[in-house]
Amino acid sequence: MAPNQFSAETAQMLAKKLNMPLEHIMHTPPHIIMAKIAELEKKEQTTTDENPTEE
């Protein structure tokens, strides 16, 4: 399997956001990375809904 075609900046951002080593980001199938991003966003949305910030 060929490595993902992410730019270096995108790969670093994904590694940091998903808390995964850069090497894993580059070799994980794109559909799995997208599923992890969706799961993370869902978790962040749930946290935001439970603890809204006051303005």
PDB file of N, CA and C in Angstrom:
ATOM      1  N   MET A   1       0.847  -1.179   0.000  1.00  0.00           N
ATOM      2  CA  MET A   1       0.000   0.000   0.000  1.00  0.00           C
ATOM      3  C   MET A   1       0.887   1.236   0.000  1.00  0.00           C
ATOM      4  N   ALA A   2       0.580   2.175  -0.858  1.00  0.00           N
ATOM      5  CA  ALA A   2       1.355   3.420  -0.957  1.00  0.00           C
ATOM      6  C   ALA A   2       0.983   4.361   0.188  1.00  0.00           C
ATOM      7  N   PRO A   3       1.927   5.198   0.621  1.00  0.00           N
ATOM      8  CA  PRO A   3       1.612   6.175   1.681  1.00  0.00           C
ATOM      9  C   PRO A   3       0.545   7.160   1.213  1.00  0.00           C
ATOM     10  N   ASN A   4      -0.153   7.756   2.182  1.00  0.00           N
ATOM     11  CA  ASN A   4      -1.164   8.768   1.863  1.00  0.00           C
ATOM     12  C   ASN A   4      -0.494   9.962   1.205  1.00  0.00           C
ATOM     13  N   GLN A   5      -1.261  10.699   0.427  1.00  0.00           N
ATOM     14  CA  GLN A   5      -0.748  11.851  -0.290  1.00  0.00           C
ATOM     15  C   GLN A   5      -1.063  13.165   0.452  1.00  0.00           C
ATOM     16  N   PHE A   6      -0.832  13.188   1.759  1.00  0.00           N
ATOM     17  CA  PHE A   6      -1.028  14.400   2.547  1.00  0.00           C
ATOM     18  C   PHE A   6       0.200  15.284   2.428  1.00  0.00           C
ATOM     19  N   SER A   7      -0.009  16.594   2.549  1.00  0.00           N
ATOM     20  CA  SER A   7       1.145  17.488   2.643  1.00  0.00           C
ATOM     21  C   SER A   7       1.761  17.293   4.023  1.00  0.00           C
ATOM     22  N   ALA A   8       2.981  17.737   4.194  1.00  0.00           N
ATOM     23  CA  ALA A   8       3.665  17.591   5.480  1.00  0.00           C
ATOM     24  C   ALA A   8       2.896  18.315   6.583  1.00  0.00           C
ATOM     25  N   GLU A   9       2.384  19.503   6.273  1.00  0.00           N
ATOM     26  CA  GLU A   9       1.643  20.285   7.271  1.00  0.00           C
ATOM     27  C   GLU A   9       0.349  19.575   7.675  1.00  0.00           C
ATOM     28  N   THR A  10      -0.352  19.023   6.698  1.00  0.00           N
ATOM     29  CA  THR A  10      -1.603  18.324   6.984  1.00  0.00           C
ATOM     30  C   THR A  10      -1.338  17.077   7.810  1.00  0.00           C
ATOM     31  N   ALA A  11      -0.325  16.327   7.458  1.00  0.00           N
ATOM     32  CA  ALA A  11       0.013  15.118   8.203  1.00  0.00           C
ATOM     33  C   ALA A  11       0.375  15.446   9.647  1.00  0.00           C
ATOM     34  N   GLN A  12       1.135  16.512   9.861  1.00  0.00           N
ATOM     35  CA  GLN A  12       1.502  16.907  11.218  1.00  0.00           C
ATOM     36  C   GLN A  12       0.270  17.336  12.008  1.00  0.00           C
ATOM     37  N   MET A  13      -0.625  18.089  11.381  1.00  0.00           N
ATOM     38  CA  MET A  13      -1.843  18.539  12.050  1.00  0.00           C
ATOM     39  C   MET A  13      -2.719  17.346  12.434  1.00  0.00           C
ATOM     40  N   LEU A  14      -2.870  16.387  11.528  1.00  0.00           N
ATOM     41  CA  LEU A  14      -3.663  15.198  11.814  1.00  0.00           C
ATOM     42  C   LEU A  14      -3.042  14.369  12.939  1.00  0.00           C
ATOM     43  N   ALA A  15      -1.736  14.217  12.907  1.00  0.00           N
ATOM     44  CA  ALA A  15      -1.049  13.450  13.947  1.00  0.00           C
ATOM     45  C   ALA A  15      -1.277  14.074  15.315  1.00  0.00           C
ATOM     46  N   LYS A  16      -1.195  15.391  15.378  1.00  0.00           N
ATOM     47  CA  LYS A  16      -1.394  16.094  16.647  1.00  0.00           C
ATOM     48  C   LYS A  16      -2.849  15.987  17.097  1.00  0.00           C
ATOM     49  N   LYS A  17      -3.794  16.231  16.186  1.00  0.00           N
ATOM     50  CA  LYS A  17      -5.213  16.228  16.524  1.00  0.00           C
ATOM     51  C   LYS A  17      -5.701  14.831  16.914  1.00  0.00           C
ATOM     52  N   LEU A  18      -5.234  13.808  16.203  1.00  0.00           N
ATOM     53  CA  LEU A  18      -5.678  12.441  16.460  1.00  0.00           C
ATOM     54  C   LEU A  18      -4.809  11.717  17.484  1.00  0.00           C
ATOM     55  N   ASN A  19      -3.747  12.378  17.950  1.00  0.00           N
ATOM     56  CA  ASN A  19      -2.837  11.790  18.926  1.00  0.00           C
ATOM     57  C   ASN A  19      -2.279  10.456  18.411  1.00  0.00           C
ATOM     58  N   MET A  20      -1.797  10.499  17.162  1.00  0.00           N
ATOM     59  CA  MET A  20      -1.210   9.325  16.515  1.00  0.00           C
ATOM     60  C   MET A  20       0.181   9.693  16.007  1.00  0.00           C
ATOM     61  N   PRO A  21       1.093   8.738  15.984  1.00  0.00           N
ATOM     62  CA  PRO A  21       2.409   9.023  15.400  1.00  0.00           C
ATOM     63  C   PRO A  21       2.279   9.369  13.914  1.00  0.00           C
ATOM     64  N   LEU A  22       3.150  10.240  13.451  1.00  0.00           N
ATOM     65  CA  LEU A  22       3.130  10.680  12.054  1.00  0.00           C
ATOM     66  C   LEU A  22       3.219   9.498  11.086  1.00  0.00           C
ATOM     67  N   GLU A  23       4.018   8.494  11.432  1.00  0.00           N
ATOM     68  CA  GLU A  23       4.172   7.327  10.562  1.00  0.00           C
ATOM     69  C   GLU A  23       2.847   6.583  10.397  1.00  0.00           C
ATOM     70  N   HIS A  24       2.047   6.532  11.463  1.00  0.00           N
ATOM     71  CA  HIS A  24       0.750   5.860  11.376  1.00  0.00           C
ATOM     72  C   HIS A  24      -0.208   6.649  10.492  1.00  0.00           C
ATOM     73  N   ILE A  25      -0.159   7.979  10.605  1.00  0.00           N
ATOM     74  CA  ILE A  25      -1.015   8.819   9.775  1.00  0.00           C
ATOM     75  C   ILE A  25      -0.722   8.555   8.297  1.00  0.00           C
ATOM     76  N   MET A  26       0.534   8.468   7.959  1.00  0.00           N
ATOM     77  CA  MET A  26       0.914   8.302   6.560  1.00  0.00           C
ATOM     78  C   MET A  26       0.537   6.931   5.989  1.00  0.00           C
ATOM     79  N   HIS A  27       0.381   5.919   6.854  1.00  0.00           N
ATOM     80  CA  HIS A  27       0.117   4.574   6.353  1.00  0.00           C
ATOM     81  C   HIS A  27      -1.258   4.033   6.720  1.00  0.00           C
ATOM     82  N   THR A  28      -2.075   4.811   7.424  1.00  0.00           N
ATOM     83  CA  THR A  28      -3.435   4.396   7.753  1.00  0.00           C
ATOM     84  C   THR A  28      -4.332   4.717   6.554  1.00  0.00           C
ATOM     85  N   PRO A  29      -5.188   3.791   6.165  1.00  0.00           N
ATOM     86  CA  PRO A  29      -6.079   4.063   5.027  1.00  0.00           C
ATOM     87  C   PRO A  29      -6.913   5.325   5.268  1.00  0.00           C
ATOM     88  N   PRO A  30      -7.115   6.112   4.221  1.00  0.00           N
ATOM     89  CA  PRO A  30      -7.836   7.388   4.370  1.00  0.00           C
ATOM     90  C   PRO A  30      -9.226   7.255   4.990  1.00  0.00           C
ATOM     91  N   HIS A  31      -9.945   6.176   4.681  1.00  0.00           N
ATOM     92  CA  HIS A  31     -11.292   6.042   5.249  1.00  0.00           C
ATOM     93  C   HIS A  31     -11.248   5.863   6.765  1.00  0.00           C
ATOM     94  N   ILE A  32     -10.192   5.271   7.279  1.00  0.00           N
ATOM     95  CA  ILE A  32     -10.054   5.105   8.732  1.00  0.00           C
ATOM     96  C   ILE A  32      -9.708   6.445   9.373  1.00  0.00           C
ATOM     97  N   ILE A  33      -8.851   7.216   8.736  1.00  0.00           N
ATOM     98  CA  ILE A  33      -8.520   8.550   9.251  1.00  0.00           C
ATOM     99  C   ILE A  33      -9.773   9.414   9.278  1.00  0.00           C
ATOM    100  N   MET A  34     -10.580   9.365   8.218  1.00  0.00           N
ATOM    101  CA  MET A  34     -11.814  10.154   8.191  1.00  0.00           C
ATOM    102  C   MET A  34     -12.771   9.716   9.290  1.00  0.00           C
ATOM    103  N   ALA A  35     -12.848   8.418   9.560  1.00  0.00           N
ATOM    104  CA  ALA A  35     -13.720   7.923  10.632  1.00  0.00           C
ATOM    105  C   ALA A  35     -13.232   8.418  11.993  1.00  0.00           C
ATOM    106  N   LYS A  36     -11.905   8.431  12.197  1.00  0.00           N
ATOM    107  CA  LYS A  36     -11.352   8.917  13.461  1.00  0.00           C
ATOM    108  C   LYS A  36     -11.612  10.411  13.634  1.00  0.00           C
ATOM    109  N   ILE A  37     -11.516  11.175  12.557  1.00  0.00           N
ATOM    110  CA  ILE A  37     -11.801  12.619  12.616  1.00  0.00           C
ATOM    111  C   ILE A  37     -13.279  12.836  12.962  1.00  0.00           C
ATOM    112  N   ALA A  38     -14.169  12.083  12.325  1.00  0.00           N
ATOM    113  CA  ALA A  38     -15.601  12.218  12.597  1.00  0.00           C
ATOM    114  C   ALA A  38     -15.910  11.863  14.047  1.00  0.00           C
ATOM    115  N   GLU A  39     -15.277  10.813  14.550  1.00  0.00           N
ATOM    116  CA  GLU A  39     -15.469  10.398  15.942  1.00  0.00           C
ATOM    117  C   GLU A  39     -14.982  11.483  16.903  1.00  0.00           C
ATOM    118  N   LEU A  40     -13.833  12.071  16.606  1.00  0.00           N
ATOM    119  CA  LEU A  40     -13.279  13.134  17.439  1.00  0.00           C
ATOM    120  C   LEU A  40     -14.180  14.363  17.430  1.00  0.00           C
ATOM    121  N   GLU A  41     -14.681  14.744  16.257  1.00  0.00           N
ATOM    122  CA  GLU A  41     -15.573  15.900  16.159  1.00  0.00           C
ATOM    123  C   GLU A  41     -16.876  15.651  16.909  1.00  0.00           C
ATOM    124  N   LYS A  42     -17.391  14.428  16.829  1.00  0.00           N
ATOM    125  CA  LYS A  42     -18.611  14.087  17.554  1.00  0.00           C
ATOM    126  C   LYS A  42     -18.382  14.198  19.060  1.00  0.00           C
ATOM    127  N   LYS A  43     -17.228  13.711  19.519  1.00  0.00           N
ATOM    128  CA  LYS A  43     -16.893  13.782  20.934  1.00  0.00           C
ATOM    129  C   LYS A  43     -16.741  15.239  21.372  1.00  0.00           C
ATOM    130  N   GLU A  44     -16.086  16.063  20.563  1.00  0.00           N
ATOM    131  CA  GLU A  44     -15.920  17.479  20.891  1.00  0.00           C
ATOM    132  C   GLU A  44     -17.261  18.191  20.912  1.00  0.00           C
ATOM    133  N   GLN A  45     -18.155  17.847  19.994  1.00  0.00           N
ATOM    134  CA  GLN A  45     -19.484  18.457  19.948  1.00  0.00           C
ATOM    135  C   GLN A  45     -20.277  18.088  21.194  1.00  0.00           C
ATOM    136  N   THR A  46     -20.195  16.845  21.630  1.00  0.00           N
ATOM    137  CA  THR A  46     -20.895  16.400  22.822  1.00  0.00           C
ATOM    138  C   THR A  46     -20.375  17.147  24.044  1.00  0.00           C
ATOM    139  N   THR A  47     -19.075  17.315  24.136  1.00  0.00           N
ATOM    140  CA  THR A  47     -18.473  18.040  25.252  1.00  0.00           C
ATOM    141  C   THR A  47     -18.917  19.493  25.242  1.00  0.00           C
ATOM    142  N   THR A  48     -18.959  20.107  24.083  1.00  0.00           N
ATOM    143  CA  THR A  48     -19.390  21.495  23.961  1.00  0.00           C
ATOM    144  C   THR A  48     -20.858  21.640  24.350  1.00  0.00           C
ATOM    145  N   ASP A  49     -21.695  20.687  23.958  1.00  0.00           N
ATOM    146  CA  ASP A  49     -23.115  20.740  24.290  1.00  0.00           C
ATOM    147  C   ASP A  49     -23.342  20.609  25.797  1.00  0.00           C
ATOM    148  N   GLU A  50     -22.527  19.797  26.462  1.00  0.00           N
ATOM    149  CA  GLU A  50     -22.675  19.582  27.891  1.00  0.00           C
ATOM    150  C   GLU A  50     -22.147  20.771  28.700  1.00  0.00           C
ATOM    151  N   ASN A  51     -21.125  21.442  28.204  1.00  0.00           N
ATOM    152  CA  ASN A  51     -20.488  22.541  28.920  1.00  0.00           C
ATOM    153  C   ASN A  51     -20.424  23.792  28.052  1.00  0.00           C
ATOM    154  N   PRO A  52     -21.544  24.440  27.795  1.00  0.00           N
ATOM    155  CA  PRO A  52     -21.491  25.652  26.955  1.00  0.00           C
ATOM    156  C   PRO A  52     -20.747  26.768  27.680  1.00  0.00           C
ATOM    157  N   THR A  53     -20.022  27.545  26.918  1.00  0.00           N
ATOM    158  CA  THR A  53     -19.285  28.673  27.511  1.00  0.00           C
ATOM    159  C   THR A  53     -20.209  29.858  27.636  1.00  0.00           C
ATOM    160  N   GLU A  54     -19.980  30.640  28.679  1.00  0.00           N
ATOM    161  CA  GLU A  54     -20.801  31.827  28.889  1.00  0.00           C
ATOM    162  C   GLU A  54     -20.205  32.982  28.119  1.00  0.00           C
ATOM    163  N   GLU A  55     -21.076  33.823  27.539  1.00  0.00           N
ATOM    164  CA  GLU A  55     -20.605  34.979  26.780  1.00  0.00           C
ATOM    165  C   GLU A  55     -20.942  36.254  27.510  1.00  0.00           C
TER     166      GLU A  55
END
